Amino acid sequence: MTGLCRQCNVRDIDTLIAIVSVIRPGAANEGKKLAFTRRYQGLEPITYPHPSLTRLARYIRAGGL
């Protein structure tokens, strides 16, 4: 977990919470840690399972709800 925190250069509690959710066994075994790190660093585009989720997810990331 500390390695992932260093890669993402954690600066706030929200990022730390996201990292904790990624290191859970199911997500960790599916390669989600690497995808999260690359997306957080802006090296890989964020994709959504359905286009209708794009607006809601951006709103939530901006601090809404």
PDB file of N, CA and C in Angstrom:
ATOM      1  N   MET A   1       0.829  -1.191   0.000  1.00  0.00           N
ATOM      2  CA  MET A   1       0.000   0.000   0.000  1.00  0.00           C
ATOM      3  C   MET A   1       0.876   1.258   0.000  1.00  0.00           C
ATOM      4  N   THR A   2       1.974   1.226   0.736  1.00  0.00           N
ATOM      5  CA  THR A   2       2.817   2.421   0.781  1.00  0.00           C
ATOM      6  C   THR A   2       3.425   2.725  -0.584  1.00  0.00           C
ATOM      7  N   GLY A   3       3.744   1.681  -1.334  1.00  0.00           N
ATOM      8  CA  GLY A   3       4.274   1.894  -2.683  1.00  0.00           C
ATOM      9  C   GLY A   3       3.256   2.567  -3.589  1.00  0.00           C
ATOM     10  N   LEU A   4       2.015   2.138  -3.494  1.00  0.00           N
ATOM     11  CA  LEU A   4       0.953   2.737  -4.297  1.00  0.00           C
ATOM     12  C   LEU A   4       0.714   4.188  -3.878  1.00  0.00           C
ATOM     13  N   CYS A   5       0.804   4.457  -2.587  1.00  0.00           N
ATOM     14  CA  CYS A   5       0.653   5.837  -2.099  1.00  0.00           C
ATOM     15  C   CYS A   5       1.772   6.724  -2.638  1.00  0.00           C
ATOM     16  N   ARG A   6       2.976   6.188  -2.682  1.00  0.00           N
ATOM     17  CA  ARG A   6       4.092   6.971  -3.221  1.00  0.00           C
ATOM     18  C   ARG A   6       3.933   7.221  -4.713  1.00  0.00           C
ATOM     19  N   GLN A   7       3.482   6.198  -5.451  1.00  0.00           N
ATOM     20  CA  GLN A   7       3.291   6.357  -6.895  1.00  0.00           C
ATOM     21  C   GLN A   7       2.247   7.421  -7.200  1.00  0.00           C
ATOM     22  N   CYS A   8       1.212   7.491  -6.380  1.00  0.00           N
ATOM     23  CA  CYS A   8       0.126   8.445  -6.607  1.00  0.00           C
ATOM     24  C   CYS A   8       0.369   9.779  -5.920  1.00  0.00           C
ATOM     25  N   ASN A   9       1.451   9.865  -5.129  1.00  0.00           N
ATOM     26  CA  ASN A   9       1.792  11.110  -4.451  1.00  0.00           C
ATOM     27  C   ASN A   9       0.589  11.637  -3.667  1.00  0.00           C
ATOM     28  N   VAL A  10       0.114  10.834  -2.732  1.00  0.00           N
ATOM     29  CA  VAL A  10      -1.097  11.139  -1.969  1.00  0.00           C
ATOM     30  C   VAL A  10      -0.955  12.469  -1.230  1.00  0.00           C
ATOM     31  N   ARG A  11      -1.926  13.342  -1.439  1.00  0.00           N
ATOM     32  CA  ARG A  11      -1.932  14.661  -0.801  1.00  0.00           C
ATOM     33  C   ARG A  11      -3.203  14.917   0.010  1.00  0.00           C
ATOM     34  N   ASP A  12      -4.219  14.047  -0.156  1.00  0.00           N
ATOM     35  CA  ASP A  12      -5.459  14.287   0.567  1.00  0.00           C
ATOM     36  C   ASP A  12      -6.117  12.968   0.960  1.00  0.00           C
ATOM     37  N   ILE A  13      -7.077  13.060   1.846  1.00  0.00           N
ATOM     38  CA  ILE A  13      -7.752  11.878   2.375  1.00  0.00           C
ATOM     39  C   ILE A  13      -8.564  11.153   1.298  1.00  0.00           C
ATOM     40  N   ASP A  14      -9.119  11.886   0.341  1.00  0.00           N
ATOM     41  CA  ASP A  14      -9.924  11.261  -0.709  1.00  0.00           C
ATOM     42  C   ASP A  14      -9.080  10.299  -1.560  1.00  0.00           C
ATOM     43  N   THR A  15      -7.858  10.701  -1.869  1.00  0.00           N
ATOM     44  CA  THR A  15      -6.972   9.822  -2.635  1.00  0.00           C
ATOM     45  C   THR A  15      -6.603   8.602  -1.817  1.00  0.00           C
ATOM     46  N   LEU A  16      -6.338   8.782  -0.540  1.00  0.00           N
ATOM     47  CA  LEU A  16      -6.011   7.655   0.325  1.00  0.00           C
ATOM     48  C   LEU A  16      -7.169   6.665   0.400  1.00  0.00           C
ATOM     49  N   ILE A  17      -8.380   7.164   0.493  1.00  0.00           N
ATOM     50  CA  ILE A  17      -9.561   6.295   0.526  1.00  0.00           C
ATOM     51  C   ILE A  17      -9.686   5.524  -0.788  1.00  0.00           C
ATOM     52  N   ALA A  18      -9.449   6.190  -1.904  1.00  0.00           N
ATOM     53  CA  ALA A  18      -9.509   5.507  -3.201  1.00  0.00           C
ATOM     54  C   ALA A  18      -8.462   4.401  -3.277  1.00  0.00           C
ATOM     55  N   ILE A  19      -7.271   4.653  -2.767  1.00  0.00           N
ATOM     56  CA  ILE A  19      -6.209   3.639  -2.793  1.00  0.00           C
ATOM     57  C   ILE A  19      -6.578   2.447  -1.925  1.00  0.00           C
ATOM     58  N   VAL A  20      -7.136   2.703  -0.759  1.00  0.00           N
ATOM     59  CA  VAL A  20      -7.551   1.607   0.116  1.00  0.00           C
ATOM     60  C   VAL A  20      -8.589   0.732  -0.581  1.00  0.00           C
ATOM     61  N   SER A  21      -9.499   1.334  -1.331  1.00  0.00           N
ATOM     62  CA  SER A  21     -10.514   0.539  -2.027  1.00  0.00           C
ATOM     63  C   SER A  21      -9.905  -0.274  -3.168  1.00  0.00           C
ATOM     64  N   VAL A  22      -8.812   0.218  -3.740  1.00  0.00           N
ATOM     65  CA  VAL A  22      -8.171  -0.492  -4.850  1.00  0.00           C
ATOM     66  C   VAL A  22      -7.345  -1.673  -4.364  1.00  0.00           C
ATOM     67  N   ILE A  23      -6.810  -1.614  -3.150  1.00  0.00           N
ATOM     68  CA  ILE A  23      -5.942  -2.697  -2.691  1.00  0.00           C
ATOM     69  C   ILE A  23      -6.701  -3.879  -2.104  1.00  0.00           C
ATOM     70  N   ARG A  24      -8.003  -3.819  -2.093  1.00  0.00           N
ATOM     71  CA  ARG A  24      -8.783  -4.966  -1.636  1.00  0.00           C
ATOM     72  C   ARG A  24      -8.466  -6.176  -2.518  1.00  0.00           C
ATOM     73  N   PRO A  25      -8.546  -7.377  -1.986  1.00  0.00           N
ATOM     74  CA  PRO A  25      -8.111  -8.567  -2.738  1.00  0.00           C
ATOM     75  C   PRO A  25      -8.706  -8.720  -4.136  1.00  0.00           C
ATOM     76  N   GLY A  26      -9.989  -8.496  -4.322  1.00  0.00           N
ATOM     77  CA  GLY A  26     -10.590  -8.663  -5.647  1.00  0.00           C
ATOM     78  C   GLY A  26     -10.022  -7.703  -6.664  1.00  0.00           C
ATOM     79  N   ALA A  27      -9.948  -6.456  -6.301  1.00  0.00           N
ATOM     80  CA  ALA A  27      -9.424  -5.439  -7.218  1.00  0.00           C
ATOM     81  C   ALA A  27      -7.936  -5.631  -7.464  1.00  0.00           C
ATOM     82  N   ALA A  28      -7.198  -6.000  -6.426  1.00  0.00           N
ATOM     83  CA  ALA A  28      -5.749  -6.170  -6.562  1.00  0.00           C
ATOM     84  C   ALA A  28      -5.422  -7.328  -7.494  1.00  0.00           C
ATOM     85  N   ASN A  29      -6.200  -8.373  -7.445  1.00  0.00           N
ATOM     86  CA  ASN A  29      -5.938  -9.536  -8.288  1.00  0.00           C
ATOM     87  C   ASN A  29      -6.302  -9.309  -9.749  1.00  0.00           C
ATOM     88  N   GLU A  30      -7.121  -8.339 -10.032  1.00  0.00           N
ATOM     89  CA  GLU A  30      -7.559  -8.076 -11.401  1.00  0.00           C
ATOM     90  C   GLU A  30      -6.722  -6.997 -12.088  1.00  0.00           C
ATOM     91  N   GLY A  31      -5.640  -6.569 -11.466  1.00  0.00           N
ATOM     92  CA  GLY A  31      -4.783  -5.558 -12.069  1.00  0.00           C
ATOM     93  C   GLY A  31      -5.328  -4.151 -11.966  1.00  0.00           C
ATOM     94  N   LYS A  32      -6.243  -3.925 -11.053  1.00  0.00           N
ATOM     95  CA  LYS A  32      -6.850  -2.595 -10.910  1.00  0.00           C
ATOM     96  C   LYS A  32      -5.880  -1.578 -10.321  1.00  0.00           C
ATOM     97  N   LYS A  33      -4.890  -2.042  -9.553  1.00  0.00           N
ATOM     98  CA  LYS A  33      -3.933  -1.103  -8.957  1.00  0.00           C
ATOM     99  C   LYS A  33      -3.156  -0.354 -10.037  1.00  0.00           C
ATOM    100  N   LEU A  34      -2.675  -1.073 -11.025  1.00  0.00           N
ATOM    101  CA  LEU A  34      -1.913  -0.438 -12.097  1.00  0.00           C
ATOM    102  C   LEU A  34      -2.797   0.518 -12.897  1.00  0.00           C
ATOM    103  N   ALA A  35      -4.020   0.088 -13.209  1.00  0.00           N
ATOM    104  CA  ALA A  35      -4.932   0.944 -13.964  1.00  0.00           C
ATOM    105  C   ALA A  35      -5.258   2.206 -13.172  1.00  0.00           C
ATOM    106  N   PHE A  36      -5.514   2.068 -11.869  1.00  0.00           N
ATOM    107  CA  PHE A  36      -5.815   3.239 -11.038  1.00  0.00           C
ATOM    108  C   PHE A  36      -4.638   4.211 -11.035  1.00  0.00           C
ATOM    109  N   THR A  37      -3.438   3.683 -10.828  1.00  0.00           N
ATOM    110  CA  THR A  37      -2.245   4.524 -10.774  1.00  0.00           C
ATOM    111  C   THR A  37      -2.041   5.277 -12.079  1.00  0.00           C
ATOM    112  N   ARG A  38      -2.181   4.576 -13.199  1.00  0.00           N
ATOM    113  CA  ARG A  38      -1.975   5.212 -14.497  1.00  0.00           C
ATOM    114  C   ARG A  38      -3.038   6.281 -14.759  1.00  0.00           C
ATOM    115  N   ARG A  39      -4.276   6.019 -14.370  1.00  0.00           N
ATOM    116  CA  ARG A  39      -5.347   7.002 -14.569  1.00  0.00           C
ATOM    117  C   ARG A  39      -5.173   8.195 -13.644  1.00  0.00           C
ATOM    118  N   TYR A  40      -4.765   7.946 -12.407  1.00  0.00           N
ATOM    119  CA  TYR A  40      -4.564   9.026 -11.454  1.00  0.00           C
ATOM    120  C   TYR A  40      -3.444   9.962 -11.909  1.00  0.00           C
ATOM    121  N   GLN A  41      -2.407   9.390 -12.504  1.00  0.00           N
ATOM    122  CA  GLN A  41      -1.275  10.185 -12.986  1.00  0.00           C
ATOM    123  C   GLN A  41      -1.546  10.827 -14.340  1.00  0.00           C
ATOM    124  N   GLY A  42      -2.675  10.506 -14.950  1.00  0.00           N
ATOM    125  CA  GLY A  42      -3.026  11.085 -16.241  1.00  0.00           C
ATOM    126  C   GLY A  42      -2.366  10.392 -17.428  1.00  0.00           C
ATOM    127  N   LEU A  43      -1.818   9.198 -17.205  1.00  0.00           N
ATOM    128  CA  LEU A  43      -1.155   8.445 -18.265  1.00  0.00           C
ATOM    129  C   LEU A  43      -2.118   7.602 -19.082  1.00  0.00           C
ATOM    130  N   GLU A  44      -3.316   7.401 -18.563  1.00  0.00           N
ATOM    131  CA  GLU A  44      -4.321   6.565 -19.224  1.00  0.00           C
ATOM    132  C   GLU A  44      -5.671   7.270 -19.073  1.00  0.00           C
ATOM    133  N   PRO A  45      -6.469   7.309 -20.119  1.00  0.00           N
ATOM    134  CA  PRO A  45      -7.770   7.998 -19.992  1.00  0.00           C
ATOM    135  C   PRO A  45      -8.734   7.227 -19.087  1.00  0.00           C
ATOM    136  N   ILE A  46      -9.582   7.973 -18.405  1.00  0.00           N
ATOM    137  CA  ILE A  46     -10.602   7.355 -17.564  1.00  0.00           C
ATOM    138  C   ILE A  46     -11.745   6.925 -18.463  1.00  0.00           C
ATOM    139  N   THR A  47     -12.158   5.680 -18.331  1.00  0.00           N
ATOM    140  CA  THR A  47     -13.274   5.159 -19.120  1.00  0.00           C
ATOM    141  C   THR A  47     -14.410   4.768 -18.178  1.00  0.00           C
ATOM    142  N   TYR A  48     -15.618   4.864 -18.679  1.00  0.00           N
ATOM    143  CA  TYR A  48     -16.798   4.546 -17.890  1.00  0.00           C
ATOM    144  C   TYR A  48     -17.540   3.386 -18.550  1.00  0.00           C
ATOM    145  N   PRO A  49     -18.187   2.529 -17.739  1.00  0.00           N
ATOM    146  CA  PRO A  49     -18.877   1.373 -18.305  1.00  0.00           C
ATOM    147  C   PRO A  49     -20.024   1.740 -19.249  1.00  0.00           C
ATOM    148  N   HIS A  50     -20.596   2.916 -19.054  1.00  0.00           N
ATOM    149  CA  HIS A  50     -21.698   3.363 -19.896  1.00  0.00           C
ATOM    150  C   HIS A  50     -21.595   4.887 -20.043  1.00  0.00           C
ATOM    151  N   PRO A  51     -21.853   5.422 -21.236  1.00  0.00           N
ATOM    152  CA  PRO A  51     -21.729   6.872 -21.451  1.00  0.00           C
ATOM    153  C   PRO A  51     -22.571   7.728 -20.496  1.00  0.00           C
ATOM    154  N   SER A  52     -23.692   7.208 -20.036  1.00  0.00           N
ATOM    155  CA  SER A  52     -24.550   7.994 -19.147  1.00  0.00           C
ATOM    156  C   SER A  52     -23.908   8.223 -17.776  1.00  0.00           C
ATOM    157  N   LEU A  53     -22.894   7.463 -17.435  1.00  0.00           N
ATOM    158  CA  LEU A  53     -22.228   7.621 -16.148  1.00  0.00           C
ATOM    159  C   LEU A  53     -21.159   8.712 -16.158  1.00  0.00           C
ATOM    160  N   THR A  54     -20.766   9.157 -17.327  1.00  0.00           N
ATOM    161  CA  THR A  54     -19.684  10.127 -17.448  1.00  0.00           C
ATOM    162  C   THR A  54     -19.992  11.421 -16.694  1.00  0.00           C
ATOM    163  N   ARG A  55     -21.134  11.994 -16.918  1.00  0.00           N
ATOM    164  CA  ARG A  55     -21.492  13.267 -16.285  1.00  0.00           C
ATOM    165  C   ARG A  55     -21.577  13.124 -14.763  1.00  0.00           C
ATOM    166  N   LEU A  56     -22.192  12.068 -14.278  1.00  0.00           N
ATOM    167  CA  LEU A  56     -22.325  11.852 -12.842  1.00  0.00           C
ATOM    168  C   LEU A  56     -20.964  11.639 -12.189  1.00  0.00           C
ATOM    169  N   ALA A  57     -20.121  10.831 -12.794  1.00  0.00           N
ATOM    170  CA  ALA A  57     -18.802  10.555 -12.227  1.00  0.00           C
ATOM    171  C   ALA A  57     -17.952  11.825 -12.169  1.00  0.00           C
ATOM    172  N   ARG A  58     -18.012  12.652 -13.189  1.00  0.00           N
ATOM    173  CA  ARG A  58     -17.258  13.910 -13.177  1.00  0.00           C
ATOM    174  C   ARG A  58     -17.788  14.854 -12.095  1.00  0.00           C
ATOM    175  N   TYR A  59     -19.091  14.859 -11.902  1.00  0.00           N
ATOM    176  CA  TYR A  59     -19.701  15.691 -10.867  1.00  0.00           C
ATOM    177  C   TYR A  59     -19.230  15.243  -9.483  1.00  0.00           C
ATOM    178  N   ILE A  60     -19.202  13.937  -9.255  1.00  0.00           N
ATOM    179  CA  ILE A  60     -18.767  13.394  -7.973  1.00  0.00           C
ATOM    180  C   ILE A  60     -17.286  13.685  -7.736  1.00  0.00           C
ATOM    181  N   ARG A  61     -16.467  13.514  -8.757  1.00  0.00           N
ATOM    182  CA  ARG A  61     -15.034  13.798  -8.620  1.00  0.00           C
ATOM    183  C   ARG A  61     -14.773  15.275  -8.338  1.00  0.00           C
ATOM    184  N   ALA A  62     -15.645  16.141  -8.795  1.00  0.00           N
ATOM    185  CA  ALA A  62     -15.487  17.579  -8.575  1.00  0.00           C
ATOM    186  C   ALA A  62     -15.961  17.997  -7.176  1.00  0.00           C
ATOM    187  N   GLY A  63     -16.477  17.063  -6.420  1.00  0.00           N
ATOM    188  CA  GLY A  63     -16.895  17.384  -5.055  1.00  0.00           C
ATOM    189  C   GLY A  63     -18.391  17.490  -4.856  1.00  0.00           C
ATOM    190  N   GLY A  64     -19.155  17.108  -5.871  1.00  0.00           N
ATOM    191  CA  GLY A  64     -20.598  17.157  -5.742  1.00  0.00           C
ATOM    192  C   GLY A  64     -21.132  16.023  -4.890  1.00  0.00           C
ATOM    193  N   LEU A  65     -22.370  16.069  -4.573  1.00  0.00           N
ATOM    194  CA  LEU A  65     -23.071  15.096  -3.737  1.00  0.00           C
ATOM    195  C   LEU A  65     -22.456  15.104  -2.399  1.00  0.00           C
TER     196      LEU A  65
END
